Protein backbone atom coordinates (compact mmCIF):
# COMPACT_ATOMS: atom_id res chain seq x y z
CA MET A 1 -19.91 -387.24 -113.75
CA THR A 2 -20.21 -387.87 -117.40
CA ARG A 3 -18.76 -384.75 -120.14
CA THR A 4 -20.86 -385.72 -123.62
CA THR A 5 -19.02 -383.85 -126.52
CA PRO A 6 -21.18 -384.19 -129.04
CA PHE A 7 -19.81 -384.15 -132.79
CA LEU A 8 -20.89 -383.96 -136.05
CA LEU A 9 -20.55 -386.55 -138.66
CA ALA A 10 -16.64 -386.11 -140.52
CA ALA A 11 -15.33 -388.46 -143.08
CA CYS A 12 -12.73 -390.78 -142.20
CA ALA A 13 -9.49 -390.11 -144.03
CA SER A 14 -7.87 -392.73 -146.53
CA LEU A 15 -4.77 -393.98 -148.05
CA THR A 16 -2.95 -395.93 -151.93
CA LEU A 17 -3.65 -398.12 -155.32
CA LEU A 18 -3.36 -399.95 -158.35
CA GLY A 19 -0.04 -398.66 -160.37
CA CYS A 20 1.12 -396.11 -157.92
CA SER A 21 3.71 -396.48 -155.56
CA GLY A 22 2.79 -395.80 -151.80
CA GLY A 23 4.70 -393.02 -149.58
CA GLY A 24 5.02 -394.83 -146.25
CA GLY A 25 7.56 -393.31 -143.68
CA GLY A 26 10.47 -394.99 -142.87
CA SER A 27 10.80 -396.81 -139.06
CA SER A 28 13.08 -399.38 -137.36
CA SER A 29 10.15 -401.40 -137.66
CA ALA A 30 10.45 -404.46 -139.57
CA SER A 31 6.81 -404.83 -140.41
CA SER A 32 4.95 -403.27 -143.03
CA ALA A 33 1.77 -401.22 -143.16
CA ALA A 34 -1.15 -403.43 -143.78
CA PRO A 35 -6.00 -402.04 -140.64
CA ALA A 36 -8.74 -404.65 -140.12
CA THR A 37 -9.30 -405.04 -138.49
CA SER A 38 -11.75 -405.84 -138.33
CA ASN A 39 -13.35 -406.17 -135.31
CA THR A 40 -16.50 -408.23 -134.22
CA SER A 41 -17.01 -408.89 -130.56
CA THR A 42 -20.14 -409.90 -128.54
CA ALA A 43 -20.93 -409.09 -125.43
CA PRO A 44 -19.55 -410.79 -122.24
CA THR A 45 -21.67 -411.99 -119.48
CA GLN A 46 -22.70 -409.32 -117.41
CA SER A 47 -22.95 -409.05 -113.74
CA SER A 48 -24.75 -406.79 -111.24
CA THR A 49 -22.10 -406.25 -109.22
CA PRO A 50 -22.95 -403.15 -106.91
CA ALA A 51 -20.61 -400.38 -107.44
CA PRO A 52 -17.30 -400.08 -105.61
CA THR A 53 -16.35 -397.42 -103.14
CA ALA A 54 -13.94 -394.87 -104.27
CA THR A 55 -11.07 -396.47 -102.57
CA ALA A 56 -7.65 -394.80 -103.15
CA ALA A 57 -5.08 -396.59 -104.57
CA PRO A 58 -1.26 -396.59 -103.19
CA PRO A 59 0.43 -393.75 -103.84
CA ALA A 60 2.21 -393.69 -107.25
CA SER A 61 5.71 -393.38 -107.63
CA THR A 62 6.63 -389.81 -108.94
CA THR A 63 10.43 -391.05 -109.90
CA GLY A 64 9.56 -393.43 -112.75
CA SER A 65 10.16 -397.21 -112.90
CA GLY A 66 13.78 -396.42 -113.30
CA GLY A 67 14.50 -398.13 -116.29
CA SER A 68 17.29 -397.73 -118.66
CA GLY A 69 19.13 -398.93 -121.51
CA GLY A 70 16.16 -398.27 -123.80
CA VAL A 71 16.14 -395.45 -126.68
CA PRO A 72 13.40 -393.96 -129.24
CA GLY A 73 12.10 -395.24 -132.28
CA ASP A 74 9.50 -397.97 -133.60
CA PHE A 75 10.45 -401.74 -132.49
CA THR A 76 8.80 -405.00 -132.89
CA ARG A 77 9.67 -407.07 -130.03
CA THR A 78 8.41 -410.26 -128.37
CA TYR A 79 8.39 -411.15 -124.56
CA GLN A 80 7.26 -414.70 -123.67
CA GLN A 81 5.89 -415.53 -126.97
CA ARG A 82 4.13 -412.65 -127.44
CA ASP A 83 4.83 -410.05 -130.14
CA TYR A 84 4.22 -406.39 -129.84
CA ARG A 85 5.51 -402.74 -131.53
CA LEU A 86 6.57 -400.39 -129.09
CA ILE A 87 7.03 -396.50 -130.25
CA VAL A 88 8.86 -394.62 -128.32
CA PRO A 89 9.15 -390.70 -128.98
CA SER A 90 12.59 -389.01 -130.22
CA SER A 91 12.47 -386.65 -127.18
CA TYR A 92 12.25 -389.82 -124.73
CA ALA A 93 15.39 -389.05 -122.10
CA THR A 94 16.05 -391.03 -118.78
CA THR A 95 16.22 -387.47 -116.88
CA GLN A 96 12.23 -387.46 -117.35
CA PRO A 97 10.12 -390.54 -117.02
CA MET A 98 7.83 -390.90 -119.38
CA PRO A 99 3.96 -391.75 -119.64
CA LEU A 100 2.80 -394.51 -121.43
CA LEU A 101 -0.14 -395.79 -123.47
CA LEU A 102 -1.43 -399.46 -123.86
CA ALA A 103 -3.59 -399.84 -126.65
CA PHE A 104 -5.44 -403.37 -127.45
CA HIS A 105 -6.84 -404.08 -131.14
CA GLY A 106 -9.95 -405.57 -132.26
CA SER A 107 -10.59 -409.06 -133.13
CA GLY A 108 -8.77 -410.37 -136.55
CA ASP A 109 -6.52 -407.91 -136.08
CA THR A 110 -2.80 -408.13 -135.08
CA ALA A 111 -0.42 -405.64 -132.79
CA ASP A 112 1.30 -404.83 -136.21
CA ASN A 113 -1.70 -403.83 -138.24
CA PHE A 114 -2.77 -401.89 -135.12
CA ALA A 115 -0.03 -400.23 -134.82
CA ASN A 116 -0.09 -398.88 -138.59
CA THR A 117 -3.85 -397.89 -138.13
CA LEU A 118 -2.74 -396.30 -135.18
CA ASP A 119 -0.22 -394.16 -137.51
CA ALA A 120 -2.15 -393.51 -140.07
CA GLY A 121 -5.20 -391.98 -137.49
CA GLY A 122 -2.34 -389.58 -136.03
CA TRP A 123 -1.66 -391.51 -132.95
CA PHE A 124 1.74 -391.81 -133.71
CA ALA A 125 2.58 -387.99 -134.38
CA ALA A 126 0.31 -387.04 -131.35
CA ALA A 127 2.08 -389.20 -129.12
CA GLU A 128 5.17 -387.61 -130.51
CA GLN A 129 4.35 -384.50 -129.63
CA ALA A 130 2.85 -385.34 -125.93
CA GLY A 131 5.60 -387.39 -125.30
CA VAL A 132 3.97 -390.60 -124.74
CA ILE A 133 5.57 -394.21 -125.27
CA LEU A 134 3.05 -396.57 -127.40
CA VAL A 135 2.94 -400.15 -126.71
CA VAL A 136 0.68 -402.37 -128.82
CA PRO A 137 0.76 -405.69 -128.32
CA ASP A 138 -0.69 -409.32 -129.91
CA THR A 139 -3.22 -411.13 -128.14
CA LYS A 140 -1.88 -415.04 -127.54
CA SER A 141 -5.42 -416.01 -128.95
CA PRO A 142 -5.66 -419.91 -129.94
CA PHE A 143 -7.70 -418.88 -133.13
CA GLN A 144 -5.19 -417.73 -135.33
CA SER A 145 -7.42 -416.95 -138.62
CA PHE A 146 -9.49 -414.47 -136.16
CA PRO A 147 -7.52 -413.68 -132.82
CA VAL A 148 -9.61 -412.12 -130.43
CA TRP A 149 -8.51 -411.06 -126.47
CA SER A 150 -11.50 -412.44 -125.33
CA GLY A 151 -10.21 -416.06 -124.35
CA ASN A 152 -12.36 -418.07 -127.26
CA PRO A 153 -15.85 -416.71 -128.41
CA ASN A 154 -17.70 -417.37 -125.31
CA ASN A 155 -15.96 -414.79 -123.82
CA ASP A 156 -13.98 -416.43 -121.17
CA ILE A 157 -13.56 -414.38 -118.78
CA PRO A 158 -10.74 -415.88 -116.08
CA GLU A 159 -8.74 -416.42 -119.58
CA MET A 160 -9.00 -412.83 -119.89
CA GLN A 161 -7.88 -412.11 -116.79
CA ALA A 162 -5.00 -414.34 -117.49
CA GLU A 163 -3.96 -413.04 -120.70
CA LEU A 164 -4.16 -409.55 -119.04
CA ALA A 165 -1.48 -410.36 -116.19
CA GLU A 166 0.56 -411.32 -119.09
CA VAL A 167 0.21 -408.06 -120.86
CA VAL A 168 0.62 -406.38 -117.06
CA GLU A 169 3.97 -408.25 -116.60
CA LEU A 170 5.33 -407.80 -120.40
CA LEU A 171 5.06 -403.85 -119.47
CA ARG A 172 6.79 -404.34 -116.26
CA GLN A 173 9.46 -407.18 -117.12
CA ASP A 174 10.16 -405.84 -120.55
CA VAL A 175 9.27 -402.00 -121.34
CA PHE A 176 9.09 -400.50 -117.58
CA THR A 177 13.07 -402.39 -117.30
CA ARG A 178 14.41 -400.81 -120.29
CA TYR A 179 12.29 -397.24 -120.54
CA ASP A 180 11.97 -394.97 -117.40
CA VAL A 181 8.00 -394.70 -117.39
CA ASP A 182 6.07 -392.61 -115.68
CA THR A 183 4.25 -395.02 -113.44
CA ALA A 184 1.55 -392.14 -112.45
CA HIS A 185 0.52 -392.66 -116.66
CA THR A 186 -0.08 -395.51 -117.52
CA HIS A 187 -3.07 -395.38 -119.73
CA VAL A 188 -5.01 -398.25 -121.48
CA LEU A 189 -7.18 -397.69 -124.62
CA GLY A 190 -8.83 -400.64 -126.45
CA PHE A 191 -10.90 -400.74 -129.68
CA SER A 192 -13.72 -403.26 -130.66
CA ASP A 193 -13.04 -406.65 -129.19
CA GLY A 194 -9.69 -404.50 -127.21
CA GLY A 195 -12.24 -402.38 -125.93
CA LEU A 196 -14.30 -405.40 -124.88
CA PHE A 197 -11.05 -406.45 -123.28
CA THR A 198 -10.38 -403.31 -121.76
CA ALA A 199 -13.81 -402.94 -120.14
CA ALA A 200 -14.22 -406.47 -118.85
CA VAL A 201 -10.33 -406.82 -117.26
CA ALA A 202 -8.58 -403.79 -117.58
CA LEU A 203 -11.32 -401.65 -116.23
CA ALA A 204 -10.21 -403.32 -112.50
CA GLU A 205 -6.17 -403.29 -112.63
CA PRO A 206 -4.83 -400.78 -111.10
CA LEU A 207 -1.80 -400.02 -113.10
CA PHE A 208 -3.87 -398.18 -115.26
CA ALA A 209 -4.39 -394.42 -114.75
CA THR A 210 -7.63 -394.04 -117.25
CA HIS A 211 -9.11 -396.54 -119.28
CA SER A 212 -10.33 -395.50 -122.93
CA ILE A 213 -12.61 -398.21 -124.68
CA TRP A 214 -13.57 -396.95 -127.95
CA GLY A 215 -16.02 -399.01 -130.58
CA TYR A 216 -17.61 -401.16 -127.63
CA GLY A 217 -20.13 -401.21 -124.91
CA TRP A 218 -21.65 -404.05 -122.77
CA GLY A 219 -24.45 -402.79 -120.89
CA ALA A 220 -25.57 -401.25 -117.80
CA ALA A 221 -23.50 -403.62 -115.49
CA TYR A 222 -19.97 -404.30 -114.09
CA VAL A 223 -18.07 -407.62 -115.60
CA THR A 224 -15.20 -407.52 -113.05
CA PRO A 225 -16.22 -404.52 -110.65
CA PRO A 226 -12.66 -401.93 -110.07
CA SER A 227 -11.50 -401.09 -106.87
CA ARG A 228 -11.71 -397.66 -107.68
CA ALA A 229 -14.19 -395.78 -109.81
CA GLY A 230 -11.32 -394.34 -112.10
CA PRO A 231 -11.54 -392.09 -115.10
CA VAL A 232 -13.06 -393.61 -118.29
CA SER A 233 -13.42 -392.12 -121.63
CA MET A 234 -16.16 -393.84 -123.71
CA VAL A 235 -15.92 -392.93 -127.83
CA CYS A 236 -18.60 -394.99 -130.17
CA GLY A 237 -20.24 -393.73 -133.40
CA THR A 238 -23.94 -393.58 -133.71
CA SER A 239 -24.20 -395.80 -136.87
CA ASP A 240 -21.85 -398.34 -135.03
CA ARG A 241 -24.17 -401.51 -133.88
CA PHE A 242 -22.48 -401.39 -130.60
CA PHE A 243 -23.98 -397.86 -129.87
CA ALA A 244 -26.75 -398.86 -127.40
CA GLY A 245 -24.44 -400.88 -125.45
CA ALA A 246 -21.93 -398.20 -125.31
CA ASN A 247 -24.50 -395.46 -124.31
CA ALA A 248 -26.14 -397.85 -121.76
CA SER A 249 -22.30 -398.59 -119.96
CA GLN A 250 -21.16 -394.69 -119.76
CA ALA A 251 -24.46 -393.88 -118.05
CA PHE A 252 -23.89 -396.83 -115.87
CA LEU A 253 -20.05 -396.24 -115.12
CA ASP A 254 -21.39 -392.31 -114.40
CA GLN A 255 -23.86 -393.71 -111.75
CA GLN A 256 -21.12 -395.70 -110.45
CA GLY A 257 -18.56 -392.83 -109.27
CA HIS A 258 -16.67 -392.79 -112.62
CA GLU A 259 -15.28 -389.60 -114.04
CA VAL A 260 -17.27 -390.52 -117.64
CA ASP A 261 -16.20 -388.72 -120.64
CA TRP A 262 -18.75 -390.11 -123.38
CA GLN A 263 -18.03 -389.14 -127.16
CA PRO A 264 -20.75 -389.96 -129.37
CA ILE A 265 -19.58 -389.36 -133.03
CA GLN A 266 -22.82 -388.93 -135.44
CA GLY A 267 -23.13 -390.74 -138.38
CA VAL A 268 -19.98 -392.81 -137.71
CA GLY A 269 -19.89 -396.80 -137.87
CA HIS A 270 -17.41 -399.14 -136.61
CA THR A 271 -14.20 -397.56 -137.78
CA PHE A 272 -11.07 -396.75 -135.30
CA LEU A 273 -9.63 -394.10 -138.08
CA GLY A 274 -13.46 -392.39 -138.58
CA LEU A 275 -13.71 -392.30 -134.44
CA SER A 276 -9.99 -390.62 -134.62
CA GLN A 277 -10.94 -388.28 -137.10
CA VAL A 278 -13.36 -386.31 -135.10
CA SER A 279 -12.14 -387.75 -131.57
CA ARG A 280 -8.43 -386.36 -132.14
CA PRO A 281 -5.74 -388.44 -130.94
CA ALA A 282 -4.29 -385.37 -129.28
CA ASP A 283 -7.45 -384.47 -127.58
CA ALA A 284 -7.30 -387.86 -126.23
CA LEU A 285 -4.07 -387.92 -124.87
CA ALA A 286 -4.64 -384.72 -123.26
CA TRP A 287 -7.42 -385.71 -121.29
CA MET A 288 -5.08 -388.86 -120.24
CA LEU A 289 -2.36 -386.77 -119.28
CA ALA A 290 -4.45 -384.79 -117.22
CA ARG A 291 -5.34 -387.51 -115.21
CA PRO A 292 -2.59 -389.55 -113.22
CA LEU A 293 -3.11 -392.09 -110.60
CA PRO A 294 -4.17 -390.78 -107.20
CA GLY A 295 -0.98 -389.34 -106.05
CA GLY A 296 0.87 -388.64 -109.31
CA SER A 297 1.49 -385.33 -111.03
CA VAL A 298 -0.41 -383.86 -114.04
CA ALA A 299 2.10 -384.70 -116.89
CA THR A 300 4.24 -381.74 -118.87
CA PRO A 301 4.32 -382.54 -122.62
CA PRO A 302 8.10 -382.08 -123.57
CA ALA A 303 8.93 -379.17 -126.14
CA ALA A 304 7.29 -380.05 -129.39
CA PRO A 305 10.04 -381.12 -132.40
CA PRO A 306 9.85 -379.85 -135.45
CA THR A 307 7.32 -381.87 -137.38
CA THR A 308 7.05 -383.05 -140.90
CA PRO A 309 3.69 -382.07 -142.74
CA PRO A 310 1.83 -385.22 -142.97
CA ALA A 311 1.56 -387.08 -146.49
CA VAL A 312 -1.04 -386.34 -148.76
CA THR A 313 -2.55 -389.62 -149.81
CA GLY A 314 -5.53 -388.21 -151.33
CA SER A 315 -5.93 -388.23 -155.33
CA GLY A 316 -7.86 -385.18 -155.16
CA GLY A 317 -10.22 -385.94 -157.97
CA THR A 318 -12.74 -383.82 -159.24
CA GLY A 319 -16.58 -383.57 -160.85
CA GLY A 320 -17.66 -386.54 -159.03
CA GLN A 321 -21.11 -386.58 -157.07
CA PRO A 322 -23.15 -387.81 -154.31
CA GLY A 323 -24.93 -390.96 -155.39
CA LEU A 324 -25.12 -392.90 -158.86
CA ASN A 325 -21.97 -391.80 -160.89
CA GLN A 326 -22.11 -393.06 -164.46
CA LEU A 327 -18.72 -393.03 -166.50
CA GLN A 328 -16.54 -394.37 -169.20
CA ALA A 329 -13.07 -395.86 -169.03
CA THR A 330 -11.02 -396.51 -172.27
CA SER A 331 -7.91 -398.46 -171.59
CA GLN A 332 -4.22 -398.47 -173.31
CA ALA A 333 -3.86 -400.40 -176.18
CA ALA A 334 -0.51 -402.78 -175.01
CA ALA A 335 0.82 -406.00 -175.66
CA GLY A 336 -1.24 -406.58 -179.09
CA LEU A 337 -4.05 -405.82 -177.33
CA PRO A 338 -6.62 -402.90 -179.04
CA SER A 339 -7.93 -400.37 -176.87
CA ILE A 340 -11.12 -400.61 -175.56
CA THR A 341 -14.00 -398.61 -173.87
CA VAL A 342 -16.31 -399.62 -171.21
CA GLY A 343 -19.05 -398.17 -169.30
CA TYR A 344 -18.87 -398.54 -165.68
CA ASP A 345 -20.99 -397.34 -162.18
CA VAL A 346 -19.22 -395.70 -159.49
CA TYR A 347 -21.62 -394.58 -156.12
CA ALA A 348 -20.43 -392.35 -153.94
CA PRO A 349 -21.75 -391.74 -150.85
CA ALA A 350 -24.58 -388.82 -149.74
CA ASN A 351 -22.51 -387.08 -147.95
CA TYR A 352 -19.44 -387.11 -150.37
CA ASP A 353 -17.65 -384.07 -149.76
CA PRO A 354 -14.39 -383.49 -152.65
CA GLN A 355 -12.14 -382.13 -149.88
CA VAL A 356 -12.43 -385.19 -148.25
CA ALA A 357 -10.24 -388.15 -149.11
CA TYR A 358 -12.37 -391.64 -149.11
CA PRO A 359 -11.88 -395.48 -149.15
CA VAL A 360 -12.98 -396.87 -152.57
CA VAL A 361 -13.87 -400.45 -153.48
CA PHE A 362 -13.62 -402.14 -156.64
CA ALA A 363 -16.54 -404.50 -156.13
CA ALA A 364 -16.24 -407.27 -159.09
CA ASN A 365 -18.89 -409.35 -160.53
CA MET A 366 -21.52 -408.35 -158.11
CA GLY A 367 -23.24 -404.64 -159.08
CA LEU A 368 -23.36 -402.14 -156.54
CA THR A 369 -26.35 -403.37 -154.64
CA PRO A 370 -24.39 -405.31 -151.85
CA TRP A 371 -22.27 -402.42 -150.93
CA ARG A 372 -24.54 -399.22 -151.40
CA ALA A 373 -25.99 -399.01 -147.94
CA LEU A 374 -22.79 -399.36 -146.15
CA ALA A 375 -21.47 -397.12 -148.77
CA ASP A 376 -23.65 -394.22 -147.52
CA GLN A 377 -23.26 -395.41 -143.63
CA GLU A 378 -19.32 -395.74 -143.62
CA GLY A 379 -18.05 -393.37 -146.09
CA ILE A 380 -17.12 -395.33 -149.09
CA VAL A 381 -17.02 -394.71 -152.97
CA VAL A 382 -17.93 -397.96 -154.78
CA VAL A 383 -16.90 -398.79 -158.18
CA ASP A 384 -18.73 -401.52 -159.97
CA PHE A 385 -15.79 -403.42 -161.90
CA ARG A 386 -17.51 -405.75 -164.37
CA ASP A 387 -15.26 -408.16 -166.81
CA HIS A 388 -14.45 -405.98 -170.25
CA ASP A 389 -17.33 -408.15 -172.39
CA ARG A 390 -20.00 -408.84 -169.74
CA ASN A 391 -19.84 -412.05 -170.25
CA GLY A 392 -18.72 -413.35 -166.26
CA GLY A 393 -15.24 -414.12 -167.35
CA TYR A 394 -12.39 -412.08 -166.63
CA ASN A 395 -9.29 -412.23 -169.57
CA PHE A 396 -6.09 -411.14 -167.58
CA ASN A 397 -5.08 -408.83 -170.36
CA TYR A 398 -7.66 -407.30 -170.79
CA ASP A 399 -8.82 -406.66 -167.63
CA VAL A 400 -5.73 -405.50 -165.83
CA LEU A 401 -5.76 -402.69 -168.75
CA LEU A 402 -9.31 -401.89 -168.24
CA MET A 403 -8.72 -401.92 -164.21
CA ASN A 404 -5.39 -399.51 -164.75
CA ALA A 405 -7.75 -397.39 -166.75
CA LEU A 406 -10.57 -396.91 -163.78
CA ILE A 407 -8.40 -396.25 -161.27
CA GLY A 408 -7.04 -393.31 -163.01
CA GLN A 409 -10.16 -392.13 -164.09
CA VAL A 410 -12.24 -393.00 -160.91
CA GLU A 411 -8.89 -391.09 -158.99
CA SER A 412 -9.52 -388.08 -161.10
CA THR A 413 -12.89 -387.97 -160.40
CA PHE A 414 -13.37 -388.78 -156.75
CA ASN A 415 -11.07 -388.20 -154.05
CA ILE A 416 -9.83 -391.26 -153.11
CA ASP A 417 -7.45 -392.47 -150.47
CA ARG A 418 -4.71 -393.95 -152.62
CA LYS A 419 -3.69 -396.08 -149.27
CA ARG A 420 -7.36 -397.40 -148.63
CA ARG A 421 -8.07 -398.92 -152.14
CA TYR A 422 -9.82 -402.51 -151.65
CA TYR A 423 -11.02 -405.46 -154.04
CA HIS A 424 -13.77 -407.86 -153.32
CA GLY A 425 -15.09 -410.07 -155.58
CA PHE A 426 -17.50 -412.66 -156.28
CA SER A 427 -17.26 -415.36 -158.28
CA ALA A 428 -15.68 -414.79 -161.53
CA GLY A 429 -15.03 -411.47 -159.79
CA ALA A 430 -13.35 -413.35 -157.02
CA HIS A 431 -10.67 -415.56 -159.17
CA TRP A 432 -9.76 -412.54 -160.93
CA GLY A 433 -9.28 -410.82 -157.92
CA TYR A 434 -6.83 -413.10 -156.40
CA VAL A 435 -4.72 -412.78 -160.28
CA VAL A 436 -4.51 -408.95 -160.09
CA VAL A 437 -4.42 -408.14 -156.46
CA LEU A 438 -1.59 -410.72 -155.19
CA ALA A 439 -0.09 -409.69 -158.10
CA ASN A 440 -0.23 -405.83 -157.18
CA ALA A 441 -0.06 -406.14 -153.70
CA ASN A 442 1.41 -403.05 -152.77
CA SER A 443 -1.58 -401.13 -154.74
CA PHE A 444 -4.24 -402.59 -152.86
CA ALA A 445 -4.62 -402.30 -148.51
CA ALA A 446 -6.60 -405.98 -148.72
CA LEU A 447 -8.76 -407.89 -150.61
CA GLY A 448 -12.14 -409.46 -149.72
CA ILE A 449 -13.35 -412.97 -151.53
CA ASN A 450 -16.50 -414.39 -151.69
CA ALA A 451 -17.32 -417.54 -153.57
CA GLY A 452 -13.68 -417.66 -154.82
CA SER A 453 -10.35 -419.98 -155.88
CA MET A 454 -7.29 -419.32 -156.64
CA GLY A 455 -6.12 -421.90 -159.38
CA ILE A 456 -6.63 -419.18 -161.87
CA ALA A 457 -4.20 -417.08 -160.25
CA ILE A 458 -1.70 -420.08 -159.91
CA GLN A 459 -2.26 -420.94 -163.55
CA GLN A 460 -0.81 -417.46 -164.21
CA GLY A 461 2.00 -418.11 -161.99
CA VAL A 462 0.64 -415.73 -159.37
CA TRP A 463 1.80 -417.65 -156.27
CA PRO A 464 0.57 -415.99 -152.57
CA GLY A 465 3.85 -416.85 -151.33
CA GLN A 466 6.09 -414.88 -154.00
CA VAL A 467 3.92 -411.70 -153.81
CA GLN A 468 5.56 -407.48 -153.03
CA ARG A 469 3.59 -408.32 -149.85
CA LYS A 470 1.24 -410.46 -147.82
CA ILE A 471 -1.92 -408.82 -148.12
CA PRO A 472 -4.61 -409.21 -145.88
CA VAL A 473 -7.68 -411.43 -147.19
CA ALA A 474 -11.29 -411.85 -145.91
CA ILE A 475 -12.38 -415.20 -147.59
CA ARG A 476 -16.25 -415.81 -147.43
CA HIS A 477 -17.84 -419.38 -149.01
CA GLY A 478 -20.99 -420.95 -148.95
CA ASN A 479 -21.38 -423.97 -147.29
CA THR A 480 -23.23 -425.67 -149.73
CA ASP A 481 -22.28 -423.80 -152.83
CA GLN A 482 -22.50 -426.22 -155.79
CA VAL A 483 -20.99 -423.84 -158.25
CA VAL A 484 -17.43 -423.26 -156.59
CA PRO A 485 -17.19 -425.95 -153.67
CA VAL A 486 -16.46 -424.66 -150.51
CA ALA A 487 -13.62 -427.41 -150.46
CA ALA A 488 -11.84 -424.05 -152.95
CA GLY A 489 -12.29 -421.64 -150.35
CA GLN A 490 -10.51 -423.77 -147.56
CA GLN A 491 -7.98 -424.50 -149.40
CA ASP A 492 -6.76 -421.10 -150.67
CA ARG A 493 -7.21 -420.05 -146.94
CA ALA A 494 -4.37 -423.24 -146.01
CA ARG A 495 -2.44 -421.55 -148.80
CA LEU A 496 -2.81 -417.83 -147.64
CA MET A 497 -1.85 -418.67 -144.51
CA ASN A 498 0.90 -420.95 -145.26
CA ALA A 499 2.53 -418.14 -147.06
CA GLY A 500 1.99 -415.41 -144.02
CA HIS A 501 -0.98 -414.04 -144.97
CA THR A 502 -3.44 -412.73 -142.72
CA VAL A 503 -7.02 -414.65 -143.33
CA ALA A 504 -10.02 -413.99 -141.95
CA TYR A 505 -12.17 -417.04 -143.11
CA GLU A 506 -16.15 -417.59 -142.77
CA GLU A 507 -18.58 -420.14 -143.94
CA PHE A 508 -22.21 -419.35 -143.86
CA GLY A 509 -25.03 -421.48 -144.77
CA GLY A 510 -26.14 -420.85 -148.23
CA GLY A 511 -24.73 -421.79 -151.90
CA HIS A 512 -23.21 -419.38 -154.74
CA VAL A 513 -24.58 -416.01 -153.35
CA ILE A 514 -23.29 -412.84 -152.74
CA ARG A 515 -25.23 -410.48 -149.85
CA ALA A 516 -24.97 -407.14 -148.22
CA ALA A 517 -23.96 -409.02 -145.02
CA ASP A 518 -21.50 -410.22 -147.02
CA ALA A 519 -19.90 -407.52 -148.14
CA ALA A 520 -20.40 -405.84 -144.00
CA ALA A 521 -18.68 -408.80 -143.03
CA VAL A 522 -15.75 -408.52 -145.46
CA TRP A 523 -15.50 -404.08 -144.92
CA THR A 524 -15.34 -405.21 -141.04
CA PHE A 525 -12.26 -406.55 -141.83
CA MET A 526 -10.85 -404.67 -144.42
CA GLN A 527 -11.25 -401.15 -143.48
CA ASN A 528 -8.79 -400.59 -140.90
CA HIS A 529 -5.86 -402.21 -143.05
CA ARG A 530 -3.63 -399.67 -145.22
CA ALA A 531 -1.58 -400.57 -148.28
CA PRO A 532 2.16 -399.17 -148.14
């Protein structure tokens, strides 16, 4: 039976920016906070296999996996050449088996980044309170610049089944042996391509008590039929391109006898954080813990330890209005350069609420047009950042001073999430973006480049391997660009990847242009990344 939970639109939480030091919580993980995921998935080939009968699985162990030696903390581990994040609540003790949630990231993302996104969305705090171990694995996809769980772009189901088998082995051999895991309470969640992976192959894995599929839908069929009709939670924004498929999928699963928790989130697009702001992690975990494998018991959360209030990452700015805002910024005189005053435009989404912290995108040398519709759809404040003299060329000294002035004024006028400051540049705006963002990598969450070249950054002494942080970069380049040849984008991708940056690279059919489709693709990648 389907339980439908309707929600009204809630703006996404956001996080840091230029000239500001981000406040990240400490952990024993060696990873730095980074989001994009973006997550682009294609529908797998569907099967019209009849529904399975709800046959009972073997009784689950009520004594736990019996693992020993593990301790609480946030760890980055590797098993069989697969990296994964392991987050164990402080209440963990060998006297009581603890439930576990396995979380699959979207395409183009990494385990480390998705774990940071879970943290930003409140999942770490909810798991700490509920007493749930989190395991966030990396895919071993051969597509290093845009990793996917689906084996290859054609969604190779046997390859996906093989990868899931490796992940299950990781759980059994490297987690269950170290920690006493409640084997009646091993749950799985996937977002976007991770949701595809969950639907296509994890739905049929008898280890999992429940399956949560966020931001994905495949239609009215099974891909791999399960042996029992277990509980499934489906969460998808009504503005997500996968919504129609998700709606069809939940109806199909309900018809096959699954208990379906269907949550259409009004007005939210393809963003895990946006969904997490409405479908609260604490509620999602409570739903899972009330549904053990047959033979298991409903999990009882441990006594809640004292909690630290979440860090305030919003700027708290006031005075900004929905729609187009025309402002002026005055830079400070410095290094022999006079102060300059520049007019600029800021577009705030139609539903802008000053009580909510919003992500901001500095759109350089492209105007607001490519981003305006997306700003309304996804809840983004967009700044039209033009060079100081409006001649199309960015001067390092003048424009760094101007950028600092803009950031200060935008954050005092709008409530900006200081950990979700992004930059998207086109042509000269992209060249200069490499300079200012790489040189201030801790101040930005991610960088988008259209038709850019890193040459100016290197001339300024800014090298991708000598930066504060390996910032995620999305590069898009027209394959017939005669102004900045596509070879420049290819060379920059190699430079960044060799230096350890996460890079999403795509060539499209076209020349030296910037389009709404480019902004959408860049946002898909950048949206879930966070500044430290």
